[in-house]
PDB file of N, CA and C in Angstrom:
ATOM      1  N   MET A   1      42.811  -4.206  23.609  1.00  0.00           N
ATOM      2  CA  MET A   1      41.692  -3.776  22.802  1.00  0.00           C
ATOM      3  C   MET A   1      40.453  -3.681  23.700  1.00  0.00           C
ATOM      4  N   THR A   2      39.703  -2.626  23.543  1.00  0.00           N
ATOM      5  CA  THR A   2      38.515  -2.439  24.366  1.00  0.00           C
ATOM      6  C   THR A   2      37.261  -2.689  23.545  1.00  0.00           C
ATOM      7  N   ASP A   3      36.239  -3.068  24.229  1.00  0.00           N
ATOM      8  CA  ASP A   3      34.943  -3.309  23.589  1.00  0.00           C
ATOM      9  C   ASP A   3      34.178  -1.987  23.580  1.00  0.00           C
ATOM     10  N   SER A   4      33.973  -1.404  22.403  1.00  0.00           N
ATOM     11  CA  SER A   4      33.364  -0.074  22.313  1.00  0.00           C
ATOM     12  C   SER A   4      31.900  -0.115  21.870  1.00  0.00           C
ATOM     13  N   ARG A   5      31.278  -1.248  22.064  1.00  0.00           N
ATOM     14  CA  ARG A   5      29.859  -1.320  21.703  1.00  0.00           C
ATOM     15  C   ARG A   5      29.014  -0.591  22.731  1.00  0.00           C
ATOM     16  N   ALA A   6      28.053   0.147  22.252  1.00  0.00           N
ATOM     17  CA  ALA A   6      27.155   0.889  23.143  1.00  0.00           C
ATOM     18  C   ALA A   6      25.876   0.084  23.347  1.00  0.00           C
ATOM     19  N   ARG A   7      25.318   0.230  24.502  1.00  0.00           N
ATOM     20  CA  ARG A   7      24.058  -0.459  24.806  1.00  0.00           C
ATOM     21  C   ARG A   7      22.921   0.541  24.622  1.00  0.00           C
ATOM     22  N   VAL A   8      21.957   0.173  23.793  1.00  0.00           N
ATOM     23  CA  VAL A   8      20.802   1.028  23.525  1.00  0.00           C
ATOM     24  C   VAL A   8      19.571   0.326  24.061  1.00  0.00           C
ATOM     25  N   ILE A   9      18.829   1.025  24.880  1.00  0.00           N
ATOM     26  CA  ILE A   9      17.601   0.475  25.439  1.00  0.00           C
ATOM     27  C   ILE A   9      16.422   1.230  24.828  1.00  0.00           C
ATOM     28  N   VAL A  10      15.580   0.517  24.137  1.00  0.00           N
ATOM     29  CA  VAL A  10      14.411   1.121  23.494  1.00  0.00           C
ATOM     30  C   VAL A  10      13.204   0.855  24.386  1.00  0.00           C
ATOM     31  N   GLN A  11      12.517   1.923  24.785  1.00  0.00           N
ATOM     32  CA  GLN A  11      11.384   1.780  25.685  1.00  0.00           C
ATOM     33  C   GLN A  11      10.093   2.225  24.998  1.00  0.00           C
ATOM     34  N   GLU A  12       9.802   1.625  23.867  1.00  0.00           N
ATOM     35  CA  GLU A  12       8.599   1.973  23.118  1.00  0.00           C
ATOM     36  C   GLU A  12       7.561   0.864  23.160  1.00  0.00           C
ATOM     37  N   GLY A  13       7.693  -0.029  24.103  1.00  0.00           N
ATOM     38  CA  GLY A  13       6.775  -1.147  24.211  1.00  0.00           C
ATOM     39  C   GLY A  13       5.331  -0.749  24.416  1.00  0.00           C
ATOM     40  N   PRO A  14       5.031   0.180  25.342  1.00  0.00           N
ATOM     41  CA  PRO A  14       3.627   0.556  25.541  1.00  0.00           C
ATOM     42  C   PRO A  14       2.985   1.138  24.281  1.00  0.00           C
ATOM     43  N   TRP A  15       3.725   1.938  23.509  1.00  0.00           N
ATOM     44  CA  TRP A  15       3.152   2.494  22.275  1.00  0.00           C
ATOM     45  C   TRP A  15       2.925   1.396  21.252  1.00  0.00           C
ATOM     46  N   GLY A  16       3.828   0.447  21.175  1.00  0.00           N
ATOM     47  CA  GLY A  16       3.641  -0.669  20.256  1.00  0.00           C
ATOM     48  C   GLY A  16       2.396  -1.473  20.595  1.00  0.00           C
ATOM     49  N   PHE A  17       2.175  -1.677  21.876  1.00  0.00           N
ATOM     50  CA  PHE A  17       0.987  -2.403  22.313  1.00  0.00           C
ATOM     51  C   PHE A  17      -0.281  -1.620  21.983  1.00  0.00           C
ATOM     52  N   PHE A  18      -0.240  -0.297  22.181  1.00  0.00           N
ATOM     53  CA  PHE A  18      -1.384   0.550  21.852  1.00  0.00           C
ATOM     54  C   PHE A  18      -1.699   0.473  20.359  1.00  0.00           C
ATOM     55  N   PHE A  19      -0.668   0.556  19.516  1.00  0.00           N
ATOM     56  CA  PHE A  19      -0.895   0.496  18.071  1.00  0.00           C
ATOM     57  C   PHE A  19      -1.362  -0.888  17.633  1.00  0.00           C
ATOM     58  N   LEU A  20      -0.914  -1.930  18.310  1.00  0.00           N
ATOM     59  CA  LEU A  20      -1.413  -3.278  18.015  1.00  0.00           C
ATOM     60  C   LEU A  20      -2.906  -3.372  18.330  1.00  0.00           C
ATOM     61  N   LEU A  21      -3.307  -2.846  19.485  1.00  0.00           N
ATOM     62  CA  LEU A  21      -4.733  -2.858  19.829  1.00  0.00           C
ATOM     63  C   LEU A  21      -5.548  -2.023  18.848  1.00  0.00           C
ATOM     64  N   ALA A  22      -4.992  -0.883  18.418  1.00  0.00           N
ATOM     65  CA  ALA A  22      -5.693  -0.041  17.451  1.00  0.00           C
ATOM     66  C   ALA A  22      -5.849  -0.775  16.122  1.00  0.00           C
ATOM     67  N   TYR A  23      -4.800  -1.498  15.696  1.00  0.00           N
ATOM     68  CA  TYR A  23      -4.893  -2.255  14.445  1.00  0.00           C
ATOM     69  C   TYR A  23      -5.932  -3.363  14.559  1.00  0.00           C
ATOM     70  N   ILE A  24      -5.926  -4.079  15.665  1.00  0.00           N
ATOM     71  CA  ILE A  24      -6.888  -5.172  15.834  1.00  0.00           C
ATOM     72  C   ILE A  24      -8.317  -4.629  15.826  1.00  0.00           C
ATOM     73  N   GLY A  25      -8.539  -3.519  16.528  1.00  0.00           N
ATOM     74  CA  GLY A  25      -9.870  -2.919  16.536  1.00  0.00           C
ATOM     75  C   GLY A  25     -10.298  -2.451  15.157  1.00  0.00           C
ATOM     76  N   ALA A  26      -9.375  -1.819  14.428  1.00  0.00           N
ATOM     77  CA  ALA A  26      -9.693  -1.364  13.073  1.00  0.00           C
ATOM     78  C   ALA A  26      -9.934  -2.552  12.148  1.00  0.00           C
ATOM     79  N   ALA A  27      -9.150  -3.612  12.305  1.00  0.00           N
ATOM     80  CA  ALA A  27      -9.346  -4.800  11.466  1.00  0.00           C
ATOM     81  C   ALA A  27     -10.707  -5.418  11.723  1.00  0.00           C
ATOM     82  N   ILE A  28     -11.103  -5.500  12.973  1.00  0.00           N
ATOM     83  CA  ILE A  28     -12.427  -6.053  13.290  1.00  0.00           C
ATOM     84  C   ILE A  28     -13.512  -5.188  12.664  1.00  0.00           C
ATOM     85  N   TYR A  29     -13.364  -3.876  12.772  1.00  0.00           N
ATOM     86  CA  TYR A  29     -14.382  -2.984  12.201  1.00  0.00           C
ATOM     87  C   TYR A  29     -14.455  -3.128  10.683  1.00  0.00           C
ATOM     88  N   PHE A  30     -13.314  -2.991   9.997  1.00  0.00           N
ATOM     89  CA  PHE A  30     -13.337  -3.003   8.534  1.00  0.00           C
ATOM     90  C   PHE A  30     -13.728  -4.360   7.968  1.00  0.00           C
ATOM     91  N   VAL A  31     -13.354  -5.440   8.634  1.00  0.00           N
ATOM     92  CA  VAL A  31     -13.766  -6.763   8.163  1.00  0.00           C
ATOM     93  C   VAL A  31     -15.258  -6.958   8.402  1.00  0.00           C
ATOM     94  N   SER A  32     -15.781  -6.412   9.517  1.00  0.00           N
ATOM     95  CA  SER A  32     -17.201  -6.597   9.799  1.00  0.00           C
ATOM     96  C   SER A  32     -18.088  -5.812   8.835  1.00  0.00           C
ATOM     97  N   VAL A  33     -17.605  -4.703   8.289  1.00  0.00           N
ATOM     98  CA  VAL A  33     -18.416  -3.945   7.336  1.00  0.00           C
ATOM     99  C   VAL A  33     -18.162  -4.366   5.898  1.00  0.00           C
ATOM    100  N   SER A  34     -17.255  -5.342   5.683  1.00  0.00           N
ATOM    101  CA  SER A  34     -17.029  -5.835   4.324  1.00  0.00           C
ATOM    102  C   SER A  34     -18.152  -6.798   3.944  1.00  0.00           C
ATOM    103  N   ASP A  35     -18.153  -7.209   2.689  1.00  0.00           N
ATOM    104  CA  ASP A  35     -19.211  -8.109   2.230  1.00  0.00           C
ATOM    105  C   ASP A  35     -18.944  -9.569   2.594  1.00  0.00           C
ATOM    106  N   GLY A  36     -17.808  -9.863   3.208  1.00  0.00           N
ATOM    107  CA  GLY A  36     -17.515 -11.225   3.647  1.00  0.00           C
ATOM    108  C   GLY A  36     -16.785 -12.071   2.632  1.00  0.00           C
ATOM    109  N   SER A  37     -16.587 -11.544   1.427  1.00  0.00           N
ATOM    110  CA  SER A  37     -15.837 -12.307   0.432  1.00  0.00           C
ATOM    111  C   SER A  37     -14.352 -12.284   0.782  1.00  0.00           C
ATOM    112  N   PHE A  38     -13.582 -13.148   0.138  1.00  0.00           N
ATOM    113  CA  PHE A  38     -12.149 -13.208   0.412  1.00  0.00           C
ATOM    114  C   PHE A  38     -11.480 -11.865   0.179  1.00  0.00           C
ATOM    115  N   TRP A  39     -11.738 -11.251  -0.982  1.00  0.00           N
ATOM    116  CA  TRP A  39     -11.099  -9.979  -1.297  1.00  0.00           C
ATOM    117  C   TRP A  39     -11.646  -8.839  -0.448  1.00  0.00           C
ATOM    118  N   GLY A  40     -12.888  -8.959   0.001  1.00  0.00           N
ATOM    119  CA  GLY A  40     -13.431  -7.964   0.915  1.00  0.00           C
ATOM    120  C   GLY A  40     -12.718  -7.988   2.260  1.00  0.00           C
ATOM    121  N   VAL A  41     -12.397  -9.190   2.740  1.00  0.00           N
ATOM    122  CA  VAL A  41     -11.665  -9.323   3.998  1.00  0.00           C
ATOM    123  C   VAL A  41     -10.237  -8.811   3.831  1.00  0.00           C
ATOM    124  N   ILE A  42      -9.589  -9.146   2.709  1.00  0.00           N
ATOM    125  CA  ILE A  42      -8.228  -8.657   2.448  1.00  0.00           C
ATOM    126  C   ILE A  42      -8.226  -7.134   2.381  1.00  0.00           C
ATOM    127  N   LEU A  43      -9.209  -6.548   1.697  1.00  0.00           N
ATOM    128  CA  LEU A  43      -9.306  -5.092   1.631  1.00  0.00           C
ATOM    129  C   LEU A  43      -9.542  -4.494   3.018  1.00  0.00           C
ATOM    130  N   GLY A  44     -10.343  -5.150   3.841  1.00  0.00           N
ATOM    131  CA  GLY A  44     -10.571  -4.684   5.204  1.00  0.00           C
ATOM    132  C   GLY A  44      -9.295  -4.692   6.027  1.00  0.00           C
ATOM    133  N   LEU A  45      -8.465  -5.720   5.872  1.00  0.00           N
ATOM    134  CA  LEU A  45      -7.194  -5.779   6.599  1.00  0.00           C
ATOM    135  C   LEU A  45      -6.234  -4.699   6.120  1.00  0.00           C
ATOM    136  N   LEU A  46      -6.238  -4.433   4.815  1.00  0.00           N
ATOM    137  CA  LEU A  46      -5.384  -3.360   4.289  1.00  0.00           C
ATOM    138  C   LEU A  46      -5.866  -1.993   4.762  1.00  0.00           C
ATOM    139  N   GLN A  47      -7.171  -1.815   4.824  1.00  0.00           N
ATOM    140  CA  GLN A  47      -7.707  -0.546   5.326  1.00  0.00           C
ATOM    141  C   GLN A  47      -7.366  -0.358   6.798  1.00  0.00           C
ATOM    142  N   ALA A  48      -7.298  -1.448   7.542  1.00  0.00           N
ATOM    143  CA  ALA A  48      -6.945  -1.352   8.955  1.00  0.00           C
ATOM    144  C   ALA A  48      -5.520  -0.850   9.138  1.00  0.00           C
ATOM    145  N   ILE A  49      -4.656  -1.121   8.177  1.00  0.00           N
ATOM    146  CA  ILE A  49      -3.278  -0.648   8.265  1.00  0.00           C
ATOM    147  C   ILE A  49      -3.219   0.861   8.079  1.00  0.00           C
ATOM    148  N   VAL A  50      -4.021   1.398   7.162  1.00  0.00           N
ATOM    149  CA  VAL A  50      -3.912   2.817   6.813  1.00  0.00           C
ATOM    150  C   VAL A  50      -5.062   3.664   7.354  1.00  0.00           C
ATOM    151  N   TRP A  51      -5.799   3.182   8.354  1.00  0.00           N
ATOM    152  CA  TRP A  51      -6.938   3.958   8.861  1.00  0.00           C
ATOM    153  C   TRP A  51      -6.537   5.313   9.425  1.00  0.00           C
ATOM    154  N   PRO A  52      -5.345   5.513   9.983  1.00  0.00           N
ATOM    155  CA  PRO A  52      -5.014   6.868  10.449  1.00  0.00           C
ATOM    156  C   PRO A  52      -5.012   7.905   9.327  1.00  0.00           C
ATOM    157  N   VAL A  53      -4.738   7.471   8.108  1.00  0.00           N
ATOM    158  CA  VAL A  53      -4.778   8.391   6.966  1.00  0.00           C
ATOM    159  C   VAL A  53      -6.194   8.908   6.768  1.00  0.00           C
ATOM    160  N   TYR A  54      -7.184   8.037   6.909  1.00  0.00           N
ATOM    161  CA  TYR A  54      -8.582   8.460   6.800  1.00  0.00           C
ATOM    162  C   TYR A  54      -8.921   9.494   7.871  1.00  0.00           C
ATOM    163  N   VAL A  55      -8.451   9.250   9.098  1.00  0.00           N
ATOM    164  CA  VAL A  55      -8.748  10.154  10.209  1.00  0.00           C
ATOM    165  C   VAL A  55      -8.142  11.533   9.952  1.00  0.00           C
ATOM    166  N   VAL A  56      -6.875  11.575   9.534  1.00  0.00           N
ATOM    167  CA  VAL A  56      -6.213  12.855   9.280  1.00  0.00           C
ATOM    168  C   VAL A  56      -6.892  13.585   8.125  1.00  0.00           C
ATOM    169  N   TYR A  57      -7.240  12.850   7.072  1.00  0.00           N
ATOM    170  CA  TYR A  57      -7.891  13.472   5.918  1.00  0.00           C
ATOM    171  C   TYR A  57      -9.216  14.115   6.327  1.00  0.00           C
ATOM    172  N   HIS A  58     -10.058  13.386   7.044  1.00  0.00           N
ATOM    173  CA  HIS A  58     -11.361  13.913   7.424  1.00  0.00           C
ATOM    174  C   HIS A  58     -11.235  15.046   8.451  1.00  0.00           C
ATOM    175  N   ALA A  59     -10.221  14.982   9.314  1.00  0.00           N
ATOM    176  CA  ALA A  59      -9.999  16.087  10.252  1.00  0.00           C
ATOM    177  C   ALA A  59      -9.598  17.347   9.494  1.00  0.00           C
ATOM    178  N   LEU A  60      -8.764  17.216   8.476  1.00  0.00           N
ATOM    179  CA  LEU A  60      -8.378  18.375   7.687  1.00  0.00           C
ATOM    180  C   LEU A  60      -9.548  18.923   6.899  1.00  0.00           C
ATOM    181  N   VAL A  61     -10.419  18.059   6.412  1.00  0.00           N
ATOM    182  CA  VAL A  61     -11.612  18.509   5.695  1.00  0.00           C
ATOM    183  C   VAL A  61     -12.515  19.295   6.640  1.00  0.00           C
ATOM    184  N   LEU A  62     -12.666  18.802   7.862  1.00  0.00           N
ATOM    185  CA  LEU A  62     -13.502  19.517   8.834  1.00  0.00           C
ATOM    186  C   LEU A  62     -12.916  20.881   9.193  1.00  0.00           C
ATOM    187  N   LEU A  63     -11.576  20.970   9.214  1.00  0.00           N
ATOM    188  CA  LEU A  63     -10.919  22.232   9.521  1.00  0.00           C
ATOM    189  C   LEU A  63     -10.904  23.193   8.331  1.00  0.00           C
ATOM    190  N   GLY A  64     -11.293  22.707   7.184  1.00  0.00           N
ATOM    191  CA  GLY A  64     -11.331  23.530   5.980  1.00  0.00           C
ATOM    192  C   GLY A  64      -9.969  23.729   5.339  1.00  0.00           C
ATOM    193  N   ALA A  65      -9.045  22.863   5.622  1.00  0.00           N
ATOM    194  CA  ALA A  65      -7.696  22.983   5.060  1.00  0.00           C
ATOM    195  C   ALA A  65      -7.624  22.346   3.684  1.00  0.00           C
TER     196      ALA A  65
END
């Protein structure tokens, strides 16, 4: 019997690190502009997760799409 398992090497580490830094930066920004309450901080962290959606939306608005 032979071992037919394939070895897969995923080399997406640099992109993961970039997205982690982008999330941390967005979290710092959105938390700093919140009112400082518990739910304001939670909302800031949630906004940091979906900030690329804001960027795409506003870019499409600028393009007139």
